[in-house]
PDB file of N, CA and C in Angstrom:
ATOM      1  N   MET A   1     -21.118-124.433  50.066  1.00  0.00           N
ATOM      2  CA  MET A   1     -19.961-125.212  50.456  1.00  0.00           C
ATOM      3  C   MET A   1     -20.393-126.253  51.483  1.00  0.00           C
ATOM      4  N   LEU A   2     -19.930-127.451  51.275  1.00  0.00           N
ATOM      5  CA  LEU A   2     -20.263-128.560  52.164  1.00  0.00           C
ATOM      6  C   LEU A   2     -19.239-128.621  53.286  1.00  0.00           C
ATOM      7  N   LEU A   3     -19.687-128.386  54.521  1.00  0.00           N
ATOM      8  CA  LEU A   3     -18.782-128.413  55.662  1.00  0.00           C
ATOM      9  C   LEU A   3     -18.884-129.720  56.436  1.00  0.00           C
ATOM     10  N   TYR A   4     -20.093-130.171  56.699  1.00  0.00           N
ATOM     11  CA  TYR A   4     -20.287-131.412  57.433  1.00  0.00           C
ATOM     12  C   TYR A   4     -21.428-132.188  56.814  1.00  0.00           C
ATOM     13  N   PRO A   5     -21.253-133.416  56.556  1.00  0.00           N
ATOM     14  CA  PRO A   5     -20.020-134.181  56.606  1.00  0.00           C
ATOM     15  C   PRO A   5     -19.111-133.796  55.445  1.00  0.00           C
ATOM     16  N   SER A   6     -17.822-134.002  55.610  1.00  0.00           N
ATOM     17  CA  SER A   6     -16.873-133.587  54.580  1.00  0.00           C
ATOM     18  C   SER A   6     -16.984-134.497  53.359  1.00  0.00           C
ATOM     19  N   GLN A   7     -16.661-133.914  52.233  1.00  0.00           N
ATOM     20  CA  GLN A   7     -16.713-134.665  50.981  1.00  0.00           C
ATOM     21  C   GLN A   7     -15.763-135.857  51.028  1.00  0.00           C
ATOM     22  N   ASP A   8     -14.622-135.700  51.645  1.00  0.00           N
ATOM     23  CA  ASP A   8     -13.662-136.807  51.752  1.00  0.00           C
ATOM     24  C   ASP A   8     -14.244-137.972  52.546  1.00  0.00           C
ATOM     25  N   ASP A   9     -14.928-137.672  53.648  1.00  0.00           N
ATOM     26  CA  ASP A   9     -15.552-138.726  54.449  1.00  0.00           C
ATOM     27  C   ASP A   9     -16.646-139.443  53.659  1.00  0.00           C
ATOM     28  N   LEU A  10     -17.412-138.682  52.886  1.00  0.00           N
ATOM     29  CA  LEU A  10     -18.496-139.275  52.111  1.00  0.00           C
ATOM     30  C   LEU A  10     -17.964-140.157  50.994  1.00  0.00           C
ATOM     31  N   LEU A  11     -16.869-139.726  50.357  1.00  0.00           N
ATOM     32  CA  LEU A  11     -16.315-140.513  49.258  1.00  0.00           C
ATOM     33  C   LEU A  11     -15.616-141.779  49.749  1.00  0.00           C
ATOM     34  N   LYS A  12     -15.384-141.890  51.042  1.00  0.00           N
ATOM     35  CA  LYS A  12     -14.887-143.154  51.601  1.00  0.00           C
ATOM     36  C   LYS A  12     -16.018-144.181  51.653  1.00  0.00           C
ATOM     37  N   LYS A  13     -17.249-143.709  51.757  1.00  0.00           N
ATOM     38  CA  LYS A  13     -18.422-144.589  51.830  1.00  0.00           C
ATOM     39  C   LYS A  13     -18.968-144.922  50.441  1.00  0.00           C
ATOM     40  N   ILE A  14     -19.046-143.902  49.579  1.00  0.00           N
ATOM     41  CA  ILE A  14     -19.559-144.047  48.215  1.00  0.00           C
ATOM     42  C   ILE A  14     -18.442-143.594  47.288  1.00  0.00           C
ATOM     43  N   ASP A  15     -17.972-144.460  46.407  1.00  0.00           N
ATOM     44  CA  ASP A  15     -16.756-144.171  45.644  1.00  0.00           C
ATOM     45  C   ASP A  15     -16.934-143.223  44.459  1.00  0.00           C
ATOM     46  N   SER A  16     -18.135-142.847  44.132  1.00  0.00           N
ATOM     47  CA  SER A  16     -18.386-141.984  42.983  1.00  0.00           C
ATOM     48  C   SER A  16     -19.188-140.757  43.419  1.00  0.00           C
ATOM     49  N   LYS A  17     -18.747-139.586  42.987  1.00  0.00           N
ATOM     50  CA  LYS A  17     -19.487-138.359  43.310  1.00  0.00           C
ATOM     51  C   LYS A  17     -20.884-138.412  42.705  1.00  0.00           C
ATOM     52  N   TYR A  18     -21.000-138.959  41.500  1.00  0.00           N
ATOM     53  CA  TYR A  18     -22.300-139.068  40.848  1.00  0.00           C
ATOM     54  C   TYR A  18     -23.240-139.941  41.679  1.00  0.00           C
ATOM     55  N   SER A  19     -22.764-141.094  42.090  1.00  0.00           N
ATOM     56  CA  SER A  19     -23.589-141.999  42.898  1.00  0.00           C
ATOM     57  C   SER A  19     -23.962-141.366  44.224  1.00  0.00           C
ATOM     58  N   LEU A  20     -23.043-140.630  44.804  1.00  0.00           N
ATOM     59  CA  LEU A  20     -23.301-139.938  46.063  1.00  0.00           C
ATOM     60  C   LEU A  20     -24.433-138.933  45.912  1.00  0.00           C
ATOM     61  N   VAL A  21     -24.405-138.162  44.842  1.00  0.00           N
ATOM     62  CA  VAL A  21     -25.438-137.156  44.594  1.00  0.00           C
ATOM     63  C   VAL A  21     -26.796-137.816  44.364  1.00  0.00           C
ATOM     64  N   ILE A  22     -26.813-138.881  43.572  1.00  0.00           N
ATOM     65  CA  ILE A  22     -28.073-139.578  43.280  1.00  0.00           C
ATOM     66  C   ILE A  22     -28.669-140.166  44.552  1.00  0.00           C
ATOM     67  N   LEU A  23     -27.842-140.833  45.353  1.00  0.00           N
ATOM     68  CA  LEU A  23     -28.316-141.442  46.592  1.00  0.00           C
ATOM     69  C   LEU A  23     -28.835-140.386  47.561  1.00  0.00           C
ATOM     70  N   ALA A  24     -28.090-139.306  47.727  1.00  0.00           N
ATOM     71  CA  ALA A  24     -28.509-138.244  48.650  1.00  0.00           C
ATOM     72  C   ALA A  24     -29.800-137.581  48.172  1.00  0.00           C
ATOM     73  N   ALA A  25     -29.935-137.366  46.872  1.00  0.00           N
ATOM     74  CA  ALA A  25     -31.146-136.736  46.339  1.00  0.00           C
ATOM     75  C   ALA A  25     -32.375-137.619  46.539  1.00  0.00           C
ATOM     76  N   LYS A  26     -32.220-138.918  46.273  1.00  0.00           N
ATOM     77  CA  LYS A  26     -33.348-139.840  46.460  1.00  0.00           C
ATOM     78  C   LYS A  26     -33.764-139.910  47.929  1.00  0.00           C
ATOM     79  N   ARG A  27     -32.772-139.963  48.806  1.00  0.00           N
ATOM     80  CA  ARG A  27     -33.073-140.034  50.241  1.00  0.00           C
ATOM     81  C   ARG A  27     -33.696-138.736  50.741  1.00  0.00           C
ATOM     82  N   ALA A  28     -33.194-137.597  50.249  1.00  0.00           N
ATOM     83  CA  ALA A  28     -33.757-136.310  50.650  1.00  0.00           C
ATOM     84  C   ALA A  28     -35.217-136.206  50.214  1.00  0.00           C
ATOM     85  N   LYS A  29     -35.529-136.696  49.026  1.00  0.00           N
ATOM     86  CA  LYS A  29     -36.918-136.699  48.550  1.00  0.00           C
ATOM     87  C   LYS A  29     -37.772-137.584  49.452  1.00  0.00           C
ATOM     88  N   HIS A  30     -37.243-138.738  49.832  1.00  0.00           N
ATOM     89  CA  HIS A  30     -37.974-139.644  50.722  1.00  0.00           C
ATOM     90  C   HIS A  30     -38.210-138.983  52.078  1.00  0.00           C
ATOM     91  N   LEU A  31     -37.201-138.299  52.603  1.00  0.00           N
ATOM     92  CA  LEU A  31     -37.356-137.596  53.881  1.00  0.00           C
ATOM     93  C   LEU A  31     -38.389-136.478  53.775  1.00  0.00           C
ATOM     94  N   HIS A  32     -38.403-135.803  52.637  1.00  0.00           N
ATOM     95  CA  HIS A  32     -39.369-134.726  52.429  1.00  0.00           C
ATOM     96  C   HIS A  32     -40.799-135.268  52.417  1.00  0.00           C
ATOM     97  N   ASP A  33     -40.978-136.405  51.750  1.00  0.00           N
ATOM     98  CA  ASP A  33     -42.309-137.000  51.638  1.00  0.00           C
ATOM     99  C   ASP A  33     -42.767-137.674  52.931  1.00  0.00           C
ATOM    100  N   ASN A  34     -41.817-138.161  53.730  1.00  0.00           N
ATOM    101  CA  ASN A  34     -42.149-138.903  54.936  1.00  0.00           C
ATOM    102  C   ASN A  34     -41.233-138.439  56.070  1.00  0.00           C
ATOM    103  N   GLN A  35     -41.637-137.426  56.792  1.00  0.00           N
ATOM    104  CA  GLN A  35     -40.809-136.816  57.828  1.00  0.00           C
ATOM    105  C   GLN A  35     -40.463-137.773  58.970  1.00  0.00           C
ATOM    106  N   SER A  36     -41.225-138.830  59.146  1.00  0.00           N
ATOM    107  CA  SER A  36     -40.973-139.758  60.249  1.00  0.00           C
ATOM    108  C   SER A  36     -40.005-140.878  59.870  1.00  0.00           C
ATOM    109  N   ALA A  37     -39.350-140.767  58.710  1.00  0.00           N
ATOM    110  CA  ALA A  37     -38.475-141.826  58.212  1.00  0.00           C
ATOM    111  C   ALA A  37     -37.019-141.646  58.637  1.00  0.00           C
ATOM    112  N   ALA A  38     -36.778-140.943  59.712  1.00  0.00           N
ATOM    113  CA  ALA A  38     -35.406-140.671  60.156  1.00  0.00           C
ATOM    114  C   ALA A  38     -34.682-141.950  60.542  1.00  0.00           C
ATOM    115  N   MET A  39     -33.418-142.060  60.140  1.00  0.00           N
ATOM    116  CA  MET A  39     -32.593-143.219  60.482  1.00  0.00           C
ATOM    117  C   MET A  39     -31.726-142.953  61.704  1.00  0.00           C
ATOM    118  N   LEU A  40     -31.364-141.707  61.927  1.00  0.00           N
ATOM    119  CA  LEU A  40     -30.484-141.352  63.036  1.00  0.00           C
ATOM    120  C   LEU A  40     -31.297-140.728  64.169  1.00  0.00           C
ATOM    121  N   ASP A  41     -30.765-140.811  65.380  1.00  0.00           N
ATOM    122  CA  ASP A  41     -31.443-140.210  66.527  1.00  0.00           C
ATOM    123  C   ASP A  41     -31.398-138.687  66.470  1.00  0.00           C
ATOM    124  N   THR A  42     -30.246-138.140  66.109  1.00  0.00           N
ATOM    125  CA  THR A  42     -30.088-136.685  66.008  1.00  0.00           C
ATOM    126  C   THR A  42     -29.336-136.345  64.734  1.00  0.00           C
ATOM    127  N   TYR A  43     -29.623-135.173  64.214  1.00  0.00           N
ATOM    128  CA  TYR A  43     -28.971-134.655  63.011  1.00  0.00           C
ATOM    129  C   TYR A  43     -28.399-133.279  63.311  1.00  0.00           C
ATOM    130  N   GLU A  44     -27.264-132.967  62.684  1.00  0.00           N
ATOM    131  CA  GLU A  44     -26.728-131.618  62.784  1.00  0.00           C
ATOM    132  C   GLU A  44     -27.436-130.697  61.799  1.00  0.00           C
ATOM    133  N   SER A  45     -27.807-131.239  60.656  1.00  0.00           N
ATOM    134  CA  SER A  45     -28.437-130.454  59.604  1.00  0.00           C
ATOM    135  C   SER A  45     -29.948-130.377  59.819  1.00  0.00           C
ATOM    136  N   HIS A  46     -30.505-129.265  59.389  1.00  0.00           N
ATOM    137  CA  HIS A  46     -31.963-129.100  59.439  1.00  0.00           C
ATOM    138  C   HIS A  46     -32.595-129.385  58.084  1.00  0.00           C
ATOM    139  N   LYS A  47     -31.768-129.455  57.044  1.00  0.00           N
ATOM    140  CA  LYS A  47     -32.271-129.685  55.693  1.00  0.00           C
ATOM    141  C   LYS A  47     -32.157-131.162  55.336  1.00  0.00           C
ATOM    142  N   ASN A  48     -33.055-131.613  54.467  1.00  0.00           N
ATOM    143  CA  ASN A  48     -33.130-133.031  54.132  1.00  0.00           C
ATOM    144  C   ASN A  48     -31.887-133.544  53.414  1.00  0.00           C
ATOM    145  N   VAL A  49     -31.279-132.737  52.555  1.00  0.00           N
ATOM    146  CA  VAL A  49     -30.068-133.181  51.865  1.00  0.00           C
ATOM    147  C   VAL A  49     -28.940-133.393  52.876  1.00  0.00           C
ATOM    148  N   GLY A  50     -28.796-132.485  53.806  1.00  0.00           N
ATOM    149  CA  GLY A  50     -27.785-132.625  54.854  1.00  0.00           C
ATOM    150  C   GLY A  50     -28.033-133.850  55.707  1.00  0.00           C
ATOM    151  N   LYS A  51     -29.300-134.112  56.019  1.00  0.00           N
ATOM    152  CA  LYS A  51     -29.643-135.306  56.796  1.00  0.00           C
ATOM    153  C   LYS A  51     -29.272-136.577  56.029  1.00  0.00           C
ATOM    154  N   ALA A  52     -29.557-136.574  54.724  1.00  0.00           N
ATOM    155  CA  ALA A  52     -29.214-137.738  53.899  1.00  0.00           C
ATOM    156  C   ALA A  52     -27.708-137.957  53.882  1.00  0.00           C
ATOM    157  N   LEU A  53     -26.941-136.892  53.769  1.00  0.00           N
ATOM    158  CA  LEU A  53     -25.484-137.018  53.769  1.00  0.00           C
ATOM    159  C   LEU A  53     -24.962-137.517  55.110  1.00  0.00           C
ATOM    160  N   GLU A  54     -25.578-137.090  56.195  1.00  0.00           N
ATOM    161  CA  GLU A  54     -25.191-137.585  57.519  1.00  0.00           C
ATOM    162  C   GLU A  54     -25.474-139.087  57.635  1.00  0.00           C
ATOM    163  N   GLU A  55     -26.594-139.539  57.055  1.00  0.00           N
ATOM    164  CA  GLU A  55     -26.926-140.963  57.082  1.00  0.00           C
ATOM    165  C   GLU A  55     -25.929-141.777  56.276  1.00  0.00           C
ATOM    166  N   ILE A  56     -25.459-141.219  55.161  1.00  0.00           N
ATOM    167  CA  ILE A  56     -24.444-141.898  54.355  1.00  0.00           C
ATOM    168  C   ILE A  56     -23.143-142.000  55.141  1.00  0.00           C
ATOM    169  N   LYS A  57     -22.747-140.901  55.786  1.00  0.00           N
ATOM    170  CA  LYS A  57     -21.501-140.890  56.552  1.00  0.00           C
ATOM    171  C   LYS A  57     -21.549-141.895  57.696  1.00  0.00           C
ATOM    172  N   SER A  58     -22.698-142.026  58.339  1.00  0.00           N
ATOM    173  CA  SER A  58     -22.818-142.943  59.476  1.00  0.00           C
ATOM    174  C   SER A  58     -22.828-144.407  59.043  1.00  0.00           C
ATOM    175  N   GLY A  59     -23.064-144.652  57.753  1.00  0.00           N
ATOM    176  CA  GLY A  59     -23.113-146.032  57.258  1.00  0.00           C
ATOM    177  C   GLY A  59     -24.500-146.632  57.293  1.00  0.00           C
ATOM    178  N   ASP A  60     -25.497-145.868  57.754  1.00  0.00           N
ATOM    179  CA  ASP A  60     -26.871-146.376  57.793  1.00  0.00           C
ATOM    180  C   ASP A  60     -27.517-146.389  56.411  1.00  0.00           C
ATOM    181  N   LEU A  61     -27.080-145.500  55.542  1.00  0.00           N
ATOM    182  CA  LEU A  61     -27.618-145.422  54.182  1.00  0.00           C
ATOM    183  C   LEU A  61     -26.513-145.840  53.225  1.00  0.00           C
ATOM    184  N   VAL A  62     -26.740-146.904  52.464  1.00  0.00           N
ATOM    185  CA  VAL A  62     -25.737-147.431  51.543  1.00  0.00           C
ATOM    186  C   VAL A  62     -26.308-147.519  50.129  1.00  0.00           C
ATOM    187  N   MET A  63     -25.410-147.611  49.164  1.00  0.00           N
ATOM    188  CA  MET A  63     -25.804-147.675  47.759  1.00  0.00           C
ATOM    189  C   MET A  63     -26.109-149.108  47.381  1.00  0.00           C
ATOM    190  N   ASP A  64     -27.244-149.302  46.723  1.00  0.00           N
ATOM    191  CA  ASP A  64     -27.610-150.590  46.167  1.00  0.00           C
ATOM    192  C   ASP A  64     -27.267-150.542  44.675  1.00  0.00           C
ATOM    193  N   PRO A  65     -26.267-151.279  44.209  1.00  0.00           N
ATOM    194  CA  PRO A  65     -25.851-151.194  42.807  1.00  0.00           C
ATOM    195  C   PRO A  65     -26.969-151.527  41.822  1.00  0.00           C
ATOM    196  N   ASP A  66     -27.906-152.370  42.210  1.00  0.00           N
ATOM    197  CA  ASP A  66     -29.004-152.743  41.316  1.00  0.00           C
ATOM    198  C   ASP A  66     -29.962-151.581  41.083  1.00  0.00           C
ATOM    199  N   SER A  67     -30.037-150.632  42.008  1.00  0.00           N
ATOM    200  CA  SER A  67     -30.960-149.515  41.853  1.00  0.00           C
ATOM    201  C   SER A  67     -30.499-148.521  40.800  1.00  0.00           C
ATOM    202  N   LEU A  68     -29.242-148.555  40.397  1.00  0.00           N
ATOM    203  CA  LEU A  68     -28.733-147.620  39.405  1.00  0.00           C
ATOM    204  C   LEU A  68     -29.191-147.965  37.998  1.00  0.00           C
ATOM    205  N   SER A  69     -29.599-149.188  37.770  1.00  0.00           N
ATOM    206  CA  SER A  69     -30.022-149.601  36.434  1.00  0.00           C
ATOM    207  C   SER A  69     -31.437-149.126  36.109  1.00  0.00           C
ATOM    208  N   ASN A  70     -32.173-148.652  37.087  1.00  0.00           N
ATOM    209  CA  ASN A  70     -33.570-148.214  36.869  1.00  0.00           C
ATOM    210  C   ASN A  70     -33.642-146.823  36.341  1.00  0.00           C
TER     211      ASN A  70
END
């Protein structure tokens, strides 16, 4: 169950659940491969997917529509 950030808050930033999942998964993979790539000063989550979702909620991580065609 996703407690923080809430799904409602995330869907205000990214309008599609599918796009949200794809963006968070790609960012989590990037965080896994490069631990020094943090965008935020502090995170509540210790896991990379949670960190990616926090970045989306903060507005630091946004969807690039052109990246979906790849």
